[in-house]
Amino acid sequence: MSDDPHPALLPEGLHDDLPPAAGDESRVVERLIASFEGYGYQRVKPPLVEFEESLLSGPGAGISRHMFRLMDPISQRMMGLRADMTTQVARIAVSRLASAPRPLRLCYAGQVLRVRGTQLRPERQFAQAGVELIGADSTAADAEIALLAAEALQAAGIEGLTLDLTVPTLVPIIAAELGLDPKLAEQVRMGLDAKDGAVIAALPVDVRTRFAALSAAAGPAADALTALAGLDLPQAAGQLRGRLRALVETIGAAAPDLPVTVDPGESRGFEYQTGVSFTLFARGVRGELGRGGRYQLDTGESAAGFTVYMDTVMRAVPAAAAPALVYLPLGTPAAAARRLRDAGWRTLQGLVAGDDNAEARRLGCSHIFRDGDASALA
């Protein structure tokens, strides 16, 4: 008996995309890119593998544990397979495009690979698409990123979107003002992320009151902002609160039908963000469609961007109708077939003579070329 694995067996978290799913995802990616380019973002295409230190610089510092590594046999330097594309676009911005006018608008799409999946995202390889706006630090820039993310997903056919805003640096600022030691501050952060009231209840009274009020401020944007307005915050945290309010007002004016919620204590998944950040969800769809927010480059430039996760996006996109496919009986003139394709038809050339109708049905065609035109199969 052979111990060789079956040729269809793949490592955990990896899978083949088959027809029509692979084609559907490709078309949705291109619709997203078209939306990004419509806002003036230019596409870049970084390599799948880079030197490890490049991938872990700046916003990439938090992805070290997710990254596959290998030795480059040419340079004898350690390389990494990208686990996220944001850090690559940041590298391009500060190196190859360092002299390009700011603000710099870049977009991308490609595959990423991670060491392990999560409960919500068991896939270890999946496609990302996103944008980065580099060299602009304003509410208008934050709003452009959030609104573009929502508009692009809606253009891809996704309904029931919600935008959840957070300020991941808020908890560390308050913890520093209260003089919490790093271990206790981390417990607070994790408790707020997990919505674990027991962790907050176990805190000293003066600390508990502040963070319990922050946790209670989560909810619809208008209610959350009202609750936050009543909190006594350090100056830096107060400035972030003001920026959050301005962003909510800007988004509300531009997209009044987009539901916006606020969770000021959320920080999980936003480890490198330095300002207001966001997550996009769709009603009835497991997992987040994408994340974004403000961060800082190694050069000191402020940037904002977002990434959408195509595995989740494809669960939210309505199922595509099977595209029309015309069967061309053996001997169909090439010029006639070309005219059909030029008119937008997909064609499938028959390679055997016989019952053309039966062959067309067997191969999944919806039409057949007959009497100089495409006719629906009876």
Protein backbone atom coordinates (compact mmCIF):
# COMPACT_ATOMS: atom_id res chain seq x y z
CA MET A 1 0.00 0.00 0.00
CA SER A 2 1.34 3.42 -0.93
CA ASP A 3 1.72 6.07 1.78
CA ASP A 4 1.81 8.86 -0.78
CA PRO A 5 -0.99 11.40 -0.18
CA HIS A 6 -3.83 11.66 -2.67
CA PRO A 7 -2.97 14.29 -5.32
CA ALA A 8 -6.06 16.33 -4.34
CA LEU A 9 -4.97 16.55 -0.69
CA LEU A 10 -3.72 20.02 0.27
CA PRO A 11 -2.27 21.39 3.52
CA GLU A 12 -4.73 22.65 6.11
CA GLY A 13 -6.08 26.10 5.25
CA LEU A 14 -5.25 25.85 1.54
CA HIS A 15 -7.65 24.98 -1.24
CA ASP A 16 -8.17 25.02 -5.00
CA ASP A 17 -10.64 27.54 -6.41
CA LEU A 18 -12.58 25.79 -9.15
CA PRO A 19 -14.90 27.07 -11.89
CA PRO A 20 -16.94 29.17 -11.64
CA ALA A 21 -15.68 30.46 -8.25
CA ALA A 22 -12.19 31.38 -9.48
CA GLY A 23 -13.57 33.42 -12.37
CA ASP A 24 -16.20 35.06 -10.17
CA GLU A 25 -13.57 36.22 -7.67
CA SER A 26 -11.35 37.58 -10.44
CA ARG A 27 -14.22 39.62 -11.85
CA VAL A 28 -15.13 41.04 -8.41
CA VAL A 29 -11.49 42.01 -7.81
CA GLU A 30 -11.44 43.92 -11.08
CA ARG A 31 -14.68 45.71 -10.15
CA LEU A 32 -13.10 46.75 -6.87
CA ILE A 33 -9.95 47.97 -8.63
CA ALA A 34 -12.12 49.93 -11.09
CA SER A 35 -13.77 51.68 -8.12
CA PHE A 36 -10.37 52.47 -6.61
CA GLU A 37 -9.05 53.84 -9.89
CA GLY A 38 -12.22 55.92 -10.23
CA TYR A 39 -11.08 57.80 -7.12
CA GLY A 40 -7.67 58.46 -8.67
CA TYR A 41 -5.76 55.57 -7.06
CA GLN A 42 -3.02 54.02 -9.19
CA ARG A 43 -2.32 50.30 -9.12
CA VAL A 44 0.97 48.81 -7.96
CA LYS A 45 2.08 45.18 -8.04
CA PRO A 46 4.63 44.22 -5.37
CA PRO A 47 6.38 40.82 -5.40
CA LEU A 48 5.10 37.79 -3.52
CA VAL A 49 8.42 37.39 -1.66
CA GLU A 50 10.67 40.06 -0.15
CA PHE A 51 13.52 40.35 2.31
CA GLU A 52 12.18 39.73 5.80
CA GLU A 53 13.22 43.10 7.21
CA SER A 54 11.33 44.95 4.48
CA LEU A 55 8.09 43.09 5.16
CA LEU A 56 8.38 43.70 8.92
CA SER A 57 9.18 47.42 8.78
CA GLY A 58 6.69 50.16 9.63
CA PRO A 59 3.12 48.85 9.58
CA GLY A 60 4.41 45.30 9.03
CA ALA A 61 5.88 44.99 12.53
CA GLY A 62 2.77 43.25 13.86
CA ILE A 63 2.63 40.45 11.26
CA SER A 64 5.87 38.64 12.13
CA ARG A 65 4.07 35.67 13.69
CA HIS A 66 1.90 35.27 10.58
CA MET A 67 4.74 35.13 8.03
CA PHE A 68 6.32 32.14 6.29
CA ARG A 69 10.10 32.48 5.93
CA LEU A 70 12.69 30.94 3.64
CA MET A 71 16.34 31.45 2.81
CA ASP A 72 17.21 33.15 -0.47
CA PRO A 73 19.82 30.86 -2.09
CA ILE A 74 21.29 33.79 -4.04
CA SER A 75 21.76 36.48 -1.38
CA GLN A 76 21.80 34.07 1.61
CA ARG A 77 19.41 36.46 3.35
CA MET A 78 16.16 35.53 5.04
CA MET A 79 13.06 36.23 2.97
CA GLY A 80 9.38 36.22 3.80
CA LEU A 81 6.20 35.43 1.88
CA ARG A 82 3.86 38.35 2.33
CA ALA A 83 1.12 37.90 4.91
CA ASP A 84 -0.33 41.34 4.17
CA MET A 85 0.19 43.81 1.32
CA THR A 86 -0.07 47.11 3.22
CA THR A 87 3.56 47.02 4.32
CA GLN A 88 4.68 46.41 0.72
CA VAL A 89 2.77 49.41 -0.60
CA ALA A 90 4.23 51.50 2.24
CA ARG A 91 7.74 50.40 1.18
CA ILE A 92 7.05 51.38 -2.44
CA ALA A 93 5.78 54.78 -1.30
CA VAL A 94 8.87 55.65 0.75
CA SER A 95 11.41 54.21 -1.71
CA ARG A 96 10.50 53.93 -5.38
CA LEU A 97 7.88 56.70 -5.14
CA ALA A 98 9.57 58.85 -2.49
CA SER A 99 9.67 61.86 -4.83
CA ALA A 100 6.10 61.45 -6.13
CA PRO A 101 3.73 64.31 -5.23
CA ARG A 102 1.76 63.91 -2.01
CA PRO A 103 -0.85 62.89 -1.20
CA LEU A 104 0.00 59.66 -2.98
CA ARG A 105 -2.88 57.35 -3.87
CA LEU A 106 -2.05 53.70 -4.56
CA CYS A 107 -4.19 50.56 -4.91
CA TYR A 108 -3.40 46.86 -5.14
CA ALA A 109 -4.74 43.32 -5.31
CA GLY A 110 -3.00 40.00 -4.80
CA GLN A 111 -2.65 36.78 -2.83
CA VAL A 112 -1.27 36.58 0.73
CA LEU A 113 -0.17 33.56 2.75
CA ARG A 114 -0.26 33.17 6.53
CA VAL A 115 1.24 30.59 8.89
CA ARG A 116 -2.15 29.73 10.38
CA GLY A 117 -5.77 30.65 10.01
CA THR A 118 -8.20 31.82 12.66
CA GLN A 119 -11.57 30.60 13.82
CA LEU A 120 -13.31 33.22 11.67
CA ARG A 121 -10.86 32.91 8.77
CA PRO A 122 -9.49 29.35 8.60
CA GLU A 123 -8.03 30.00 5.14
CA ARG A 124 -4.28 30.56 5.16
CA GLN A 125 -4.09 31.81 1.58
CA PHE A 126 -6.57 34.36 0.28
CA ALA A 127 -6.75 37.41 -1.93
CA GLN A 128 -6.61 40.99 -0.71
CA ALA A 129 -7.47 44.24 -2.45
CA GLY A 130 -7.11 47.72 -1.04
CA VAL A 131 -5.82 51.26 -1.19
CA GLU A 132 -3.32 53.46 0.63
CA LEU A 133 -3.52 57.26 0.85
CA ILE A 134 -0.07 58.49 1.86
CA GLY A 135 0.94 61.97 2.96
CA ALA A 136 -2.45 63.34 4.07
CA ASP A 137 -3.54 63.64 7.70
CA SER A 138 -7.03 65.09 7.95
CA THR A 139 -10.65 64.19 8.54
CA ALA A 140 -11.22 64.57 4.80
CA ALA A 141 -8.58 61.91 4.11
CA ASP A 142 -10.03 59.55 6.73
CA ALA A 143 -13.50 60.03 5.22
CA GLU A 144 -12.26 59.41 1.67
CA ILE A 145 -10.81 56.05 2.68
CA ALA A 146 -13.89 54.88 4.60
CA LEU A 147 -16.34 56.06 1.94
CA LEU A 148 -14.32 54.51 -0.89
CA ALA A 149 -14.25 51.16 0.92
CA ALA A 150 -18.02 51.19 1.34
CA GLU A 151 -18.70 52.44 -2.20
CA ALA A 152 -16.41 49.85 -3.80
CA LEU A 153 -18.07 46.98 -1.92
CA GLN A 154 -21.52 48.27 -2.84
CA ALA A 155 -20.43 48.53 -6.48
CA ALA A 156 -19.41 44.86 -6.26
CA GLY A 157 -23.02 44.04 -5.39
CA ILE A 158 -22.84 43.74 -1.59
CA GLU A 159 -25.87 44.92 0.36
CA GLY A 160 -26.49 45.44 4.06
CA LEU A 161 -23.12 47.08 4.76
CA THR A 162 -22.28 48.54 8.16
CA LEU A 163 -19.23 50.62 9.09
CA ASP A 164 -17.83 50.17 12.61
CA LEU A 165 -15.43 52.91 13.77
CA THR A 166 -12.92 52.61 16.58
CA VAL A 167 -9.97 54.52 18.03
CA PRO A 168 -7.39 51.86 18.94
CA THR A 169 -5.00 54.29 20.66
CA LEU A 170 -7.69 55.55 23.05
CA VAL A 171 -7.28 52.79 25.65
CA PRO A 172 -3.45 53.07 25.77
CA ILE A 173 -3.72 56.86 26.23
CA ILE A 174 -6.17 56.51 29.13
CA ALA A 175 -4.10 53.69 30.67
CA ALA A 176 -0.98 55.87 30.53
CA GLU A 177 -2.80 58.78 32.20
CA LEU A 178 -3.94 56.47 35.01
CA GLY A 179 -0.37 55.18 35.41
CA LEU A 180 -1.27 51.53 34.83
CA ASP A 181 1.62 49.12 34.59
CA PRO A 182 1.98 47.47 31.16
CA LYS A 183 0.64 44.10 32.32
CA LEU A 184 -2.56 45.59 33.75
CA ALA A 185 -2.98 47.86 30.73
CA GLU A 186 -2.81 44.81 28.46
CA GLN A 187 -5.42 43.01 30.58
CA VAL A 188 -7.71 46.02 30.23
CA ARG A 189 -7.20 46.11 26.47
CA MET A 190 -7.93 42.41 26.09
CA GLY A 191 -10.97 42.64 28.35
CA LEU A 192 -12.43 45.49 26.31
CA ASP A 193 -11.75 43.64 23.07
CA ALA A 194 -13.46 40.51 24.38
CA LYS A 195 -16.33 42.53 25.92
CA ASP A 196 -15.48 40.68 29.15
CA GLY A 197 -17.22 42.57 31.93
CA ALA A 198 -15.58 40.34 34.57
CA VAL A 199 -12.13 41.67 33.66
CA ILE A 200 -13.31 45.26 33.98
CA ALA A 201 -15.21 44.56 37.20
CA ALA A 202 -12.01 43.16 38.79
CA LEU A 203 -10.11 46.41 38.27
CA PRO A 204 -9.47 48.99 41.02
CA VAL A 205 -12.44 51.31 41.45
CA ASP A 206 -10.90 54.43 39.89
CA VAL A 207 -9.73 52.42 36.85
CA ARG A 208 -12.91 50.38 36.59
CA THR A 209 -15.16 53.44 36.39
CA ARG A 210 -13.25 54.97 33.50
CA PHE A 211 -13.08 51.85 31.37
CA ALA A 212 -16.60 50.66 32.17
CA ALA A 213 -17.88 53.99 30.85
CA LEU A 214 -15.75 53.60 27.73
CA SER A 215 -17.09 50.10 27.12
CA ALA A 216 -20.67 51.30 27.59
CA ALA A 217 -20.15 53.96 24.91
CA ALA A 218 -20.22 51.37 22.11
CA GLY A 219 -23.22 51.39 19.80
CA PRO A 220 -24.86 53.41 17.03
CA ALA A 221 -22.69 56.40 16.19
CA ALA A 222 -25.03 59.10 17.52
CA ASP A 223 -25.52 57.33 20.87
CA ALA A 224 -21.82 56.48 21.19
CA LEU A 225 -20.72 60.06 20.54
CA THR A 226 -23.18 61.33 23.15
CA ALA A 227 -21.78 58.88 25.70
CA LEU A 228 -18.19 59.75 24.81
CA ALA A 229 -18.91 63.45 25.16
CA GLY A 230 -19.64 62.90 28.85
CA LEU A 231 -16.30 61.21 29.58
CA ASP A 232 -13.42 63.03 31.23
CA LEU A 233 -10.54 62.22 28.88
CA PRO A 234 -6.87 63.23 28.72
CA GLN A 235 -6.09 65.97 26.19
CA ALA A 236 -4.72 63.57 23.55
CA ALA A 237 -7.74 61.29 23.94
CA GLY A 238 -10.05 64.30 23.74
CA GLN A 239 -8.48 65.29 20.43
CA LEU A 240 -9.11 61.80 19.06
CA ARG A 241 -12.71 62.00 20.27
CA GLY A 242 -13.12 65.25 18.35
CA ARG A 243 -11.67 63.72 15.21
CA LEU A 244 -13.99 60.74 15.56
CA ARG A 245 -16.99 63.07 15.81
CA ALA A 246 -15.88 65.04 12.75
CA LEU A 247 -15.43 61.82 10.77
CA VAL A 248 -18.89 60.52 11.72
CA GLU A 249 -20.44 63.83 10.64
CA THR A 250 -18.55 63.82 7.32
CA ILE A 251 -19.52 60.24 6.53
CA GLY A 252 -23.12 60.89 7.54
CA ALA A 253 -23.34 63.87 5.17
CA ALA A 254 -21.83 61.94 2.24
CA ALA A 255 -23.56 58.57 2.80
CA PRO A 256 -26.63 59.10 4.99
CA ASP A 257 -27.92 55.58 4.31
CA LEU A 258 -24.73 53.85 5.50
CA PRO A 259 -25.21 52.55 9.09
CA VAL A 260 -22.28 53.65 11.27
CA THR A 261 -21.47 52.26 14.70
CA VAL A 262 -18.70 53.17 17.14
CA ASP A 263 -16.76 50.91 19.50
CA PRO A 264 -14.18 53.20 21.13
CA GLY A 265 -12.48 50.43 23.13
CA GLU A 266 -11.86 48.01 20.24
CA SER A 267 -8.21 47.53 19.32
CA ARG A 268 -7.78 43.88 18.27
CA GLY A 269 -6.57 43.72 14.68
CA PHE A 270 -5.53 47.39 14.69
CA GLU A 271 -2.13 47.02 16.35
CA TYR A 272 -0.30 49.42 14.03
CA GLN A 273 -3.06 52.02 13.61
CA THR A 274 -2.50 55.46 15.10
CA GLY A 275 -5.87 57.15 14.58
CA VAL A 276 -9.49 56.44 13.80
CA SER A 277 -9.90 52.98 12.26
CA PHE A 278 -12.80 51.00 10.86
CA THR A 279 -14.19 47.58 10.02
CA LEU A 280 -16.79 46.77 7.37
CA PHE A 281 -19.40 44.06 7.85
CA ALA A 282 -22.36 42.83 5.79
CA ARG A 283 -25.63 41.65 7.25
CA GLY A 284 -25.74 37.86 7.59
CA VAL A 285 -22.11 37.32 6.51
CA ARG A 286 -19.54 35.70 8.79
CA GLY A 287 -16.40 37.75 9.41
CA GLU A 288 -15.29 41.20 8.43
CA LEU A 289 -15.22 42.28 4.78
CA GLY A 290 -12.30 44.59 5.39
CA ARG A 291 -10.39 46.80 7.80
CA GLY A 292 -8.76 50.18 7.52
CA GLY A 293 -7.49 53.21 9.35
CA ARG A 294 -4.66 55.61 9.93
CA TYR A 295 -1.05 54.60 10.55
CA GLN A 296 2.45 56.05 10.36
CA LEU A 297 5.33 55.18 8.06
CA ASP A 298 8.95 54.83 9.17
CA THR A 299 9.64 58.19 7.51
CA GLY A 300 7.12 59.91 9.77
CA GLU A 301 4.57 60.37 7.00
CA SER A 302 0.98 59.80 8.00
CA ALA A 303 -1.03 57.41 5.89
CA ALA A 304 -4.49 55.86 5.80
CA GLY A 305 -5.79 52.87 3.91
CA PHE A 306 -7.90 49.76 3.95
CA THR A 307 -7.76 46.13 2.90
CA VAL A 308 -10.71 43.98 1.88
CA TYR A 309 -10.55 40.21 2.27
CA MET A 310 -11.81 38.47 -0.84
CA ASP A 311 -12.77 35.22 0.90
CA THR A 312 -15.32 37.11 3.00
CA VAL A 313 -16.28 39.43 0.15
CA MET A 314 -17.20 36.47 -2.04
CA ARG A 315 -19.51 35.14 0.70
CA ALA A 316 -21.32 38.48 0.61
CA VAL A 317 -21.52 38.99 -3.16
CA PRO A 318 -24.78 37.71 -4.71
CA ALA A 319 -24.33 34.53 -6.72
CA ALA A 320 -23.56 35.38 -10.33
CA ALA A 321 -25.81 34.10 -13.06
CA ALA A 322 -24.17 31.54 -15.33
CA PRO A 323 -22.78 33.50 -18.31
CA ALA A 324 -24.09 32.73 -21.79
CA LEU A 325 -21.90 30.26 -23.67
CA VAL A 326 -22.36 29.57 -27.38
CA TYR A 327 -21.51 26.16 -28.80
CA LEU A 328 -19.82 26.36 -32.21
CA PRO A 329 -20.39 23.19 -34.24
CA LEU A 330 -17.32 21.71 -35.90
CA GLY A 331 -16.61 23.65 -39.08
CA THR A 332 -18.03 27.01 -37.92
CA PRO A 333 -16.10 29.74 -39.81
CA ALA A 334 -13.52 31.49 -37.64
CA ALA A 335 -14.79 34.89 -38.77
CA ALA A 336 -18.30 34.06 -37.52
CA ALA A 337 -16.93 32.97 -34.16
CA ARG A 338 -14.89 36.16 -33.91
CA ARG A 339 -17.99 38.28 -34.59
CA LEU A 340 -19.80 36.57 -31.73
CA ARG A 341 -16.92 37.22 -29.31
CA ASP A 342 -16.66 40.83 -30.47
CA ALA A 343 -20.37 41.18 -29.66
CA GLY A 344 -19.71 39.97 -26.09
CA TRP A 345 -20.56 36.28 -26.39
CA ARG A 346 -18.41 33.52 -24.92
CA THR A 347 -17.85 30.70 -27.41
CA LEU A 348 -16.90 27.06 -27.09
CA GLN A 349 -15.60 25.36 -30.22
CA GLY A 350 -16.93 21.89 -30.92
CA LEU A 351 -14.22 19.38 -31.79
CA VAL A 352 -16.29 16.41 -32.93
CA ALA A 353 -19.03 15.96 -35.52
CA GLY A 354 -22.35 14.49 -34.46
CA ASP A 355 -25.42 15.59 -32.52
CA ASP A 356 -24.48 19.24 -31.91
CA ASN A 357 -27.44 19.93 -29.61
CA ALA A 358 -26.56 17.01 -27.35
CA GLU A 359 -22.88 17.96 -27.31
CA ALA A 360 -23.71 21.58 -26.48
CA ARG A 361 -25.86 20.49 -23.53
CA ARG A 362 -23.22 18.02 -22.32
CA LEU A 363 -20.61 20.80 -22.23
CA GLY A 364 -22.87 23.24 -20.37
CA CYS A 365 -23.57 25.65 -23.22
CA SER A 366 -26.65 27.87 -23.11
CA HIS A 367 -26.73 28.66 -26.87
CA ILE A 368 -25.69 27.12 -30.16
CA PHE A 369 -24.53 28.80 -33.37
CA ARG A 370 -27.17 28.12 -35.99
CA ASP A 371 -28.17 29.92 -39.23
CA GLY A 372 -25.55 32.63 -38.71
CA ASP A 373 -26.55 33.58 -35.15
CA ALA A 374 -26.58 32.40 -31.53
CA SER A 375 -29.80 30.56 -30.68
CA ALA A 376 -30.91 29.46 -27.23
CA LEU A 377 -30.85 25.71 -26.76
CA ALA A 378 -34.39 24.31 -26.71
